[in-house]
Amino acid sequence: MSNVFIAFQHNEESRPVIDAIIADNPRATVVHSPGLVKIDAPDSLTIRRATIEEQTGRPYDLQALQINLVTLSGHLDEDDDQLTLSWKH
């Protein structure tokens, strides 16, 4: 089992995204560092647009993740509704 991770700048814009990731990935662990929030998950991590929209109360374009994205690890599979990191091809 290998971990995947994603890290964001630690700011108000990232907070609902991070909360949504935690809600959708119960096995994920969050590490807060000065200016950075890193989320690790075993095997895979999924970010769902609908969950972010529930957190923010407004429409959300997953491409907006890139504004506060610092780094990620894993193979990326994305569409308009979700983004998944995993080590599976």
Protein backbone atom coordinates (compact mmCIF):
# COMPACT_ATOMS: atom_id res chain seq x y z
CA MET A 1 0.00 0.00 0.00
CA SER A 2 1.41 3.39 -1.04
CA ASN A 3 0.20 6.81 -0.02
CA VAL A 4 -0.85 9.55 -2.38
CA PHE A 5 -0.93 13.16 -1.27
CA ILE A 6 -1.97 16.65 -2.22
CA ALA A 7 -0.87 19.92 -0.63
CA PHE A 8 -2.43 23.36 -0.70
CA GLN A 9 -1.51 26.81 0.50
CA HIS A 10 -2.99 27.32 3.95
CA ASN A 11 -5.51 30.12 3.36
CA GLU A 12 -9.23 30.86 3.47
CA GLU A 13 -9.77 29.85 -0.18
CA SER A 14 -8.35 26.39 0.49
CA ARG A 15 -10.31 25.73 3.69
CA PRO A 16 -13.58 24.46 2.05
CA VAL A 17 -11.59 22.35 -0.40
CA ILE A 18 -9.64 20.74 2.44
CA ASP A 19 -12.84 20.19 4.46
CA ALA A 20 -14.46 18.52 1.42
CA ILE A 21 -11.46 16.24 0.87
CA ILE A 22 -11.54 15.16 4.51
CA ALA A 23 -15.30 14.51 4.32
CA ASP A 24 -14.93 12.33 1.21
CA ASN A 25 -11.76 10.49 2.31
CA PRO A 26 -12.14 9.25 5.90
CA ARG A 27 -8.77 7.46 5.82
CA ALA A 28 -6.92 10.65 4.90
CA THR A 29 -4.60 12.36 7.36
CA VAL A 30 -3.99 16.09 7.43
CA VAL A 31 -0.70 17.75 8.34
CA HIS A 32 -0.72 21.51 8.96
CA SER A 33 2.56 23.32 8.45
CA PRO A 34 3.20 27.05 8.32
CA GLY A 35 1.58 28.17 5.08
CA LEU A 36 0.82 24.62 3.88
CA VAL A 37 -1.74 21.87 4.40
CA LYS A 38 -0.77 18.38 3.20
CA ILE A 39 -3.33 15.59 2.92
CA ASP A 40 -2.07 11.99 2.73
CA ALA A 41 -4.25 8.99 1.94
CA PRO A 42 -3.51 5.29 1.52
CA ASP A 43 -4.00 4.03 -2.05
CA SER A 44 -6.21 6.82 -3.42
CA LEU A 45 -7.74 10.21 -2.71
CA THR A 46 -10.82 11.64 -4.44
CA ILE A 47 -11.88 15.27 -4.60
CA ARG A 48 -15.53 15.70 -5.57
CA ARG A 49 -16.88 18.93 -7.02
CA ALA A 50 -20.30 18.35 -5.41
CA THR A 51 -18.78 18.13 -1.92
CA ILE A 52 -16.84 21.37 -2.41
CA GLU A 53 -20.05 23.02 -3.61
CA GLU A 54 -21.80 21.82 -0.44
CA GLN A 55 -19.00 23.37 1.63
CA THR A 56 -19.00 26.70 -0.23
CA GLY A 57 -22.69 26.99 -1.10
CA ARG A 58 -21.85 27.97 -4.68
CA PRO A 59 -20.80 26.36 -7.98
CA TYR A 60 -17.17 25.26 -8.12
CA ASP A 61 -14.91 24.50 -11.07
CA LEU A 62 -12.31 21.85 -10.16
CA GLN A 63 -9.74 23.70 -12.27
CA ALA A 64 -9.78 26.35 -9.51
CA LEU A 65 -7.87 23.84 -7.32
CA GLN A 66 -4.72 24.80 -9.20
CA ILE A 67 -4.74 28.34 -7.79
CA ASN A 68 -3.75 27.17 -4.30
CA LEU A 69 -2.24 23.78 -5.20
CA VAL A 70 1.38 23.40 -4.10
CA THR A 71 2.15 19.79 -5.06
CA LEU A 72 0.65 16.32 -5.44
CA SER A 73 1.81 12.74 -5.66
CA GLY A 74 0.09 9.95 -7.58
CA HIS A 75 -1.44 9.39 -10.99
CA LEU A 76 -4.10 11.97 -11.72
CA ASP A 77 -7.48 11.05 -13.20
CA GLU A 78 -9.93 13.90 -13.54
CA ASP A 79 -13.14 14.99 -15.18
CA ASP A 80 -15.58 17.83 -14.53
CA ASP A 81 -17.02 16.15 -11.42
CA GLN A 82 -14.05 14.67 -9.57
CA LEU A 83 -10.32 14.37 -9.36
CA THR A 84 -8.69 11.14 -8.14
CA LEU A 85 -5.08 10.52 -7.17
CA SER A 86 -3.92 6.90 -7.04
CA TRP A 87 -1.04 4.68 -8.03
CA LYS A 88 -3.25 2.62 -10.34
CA HIS A 89 -3.05 3.29 -14.08
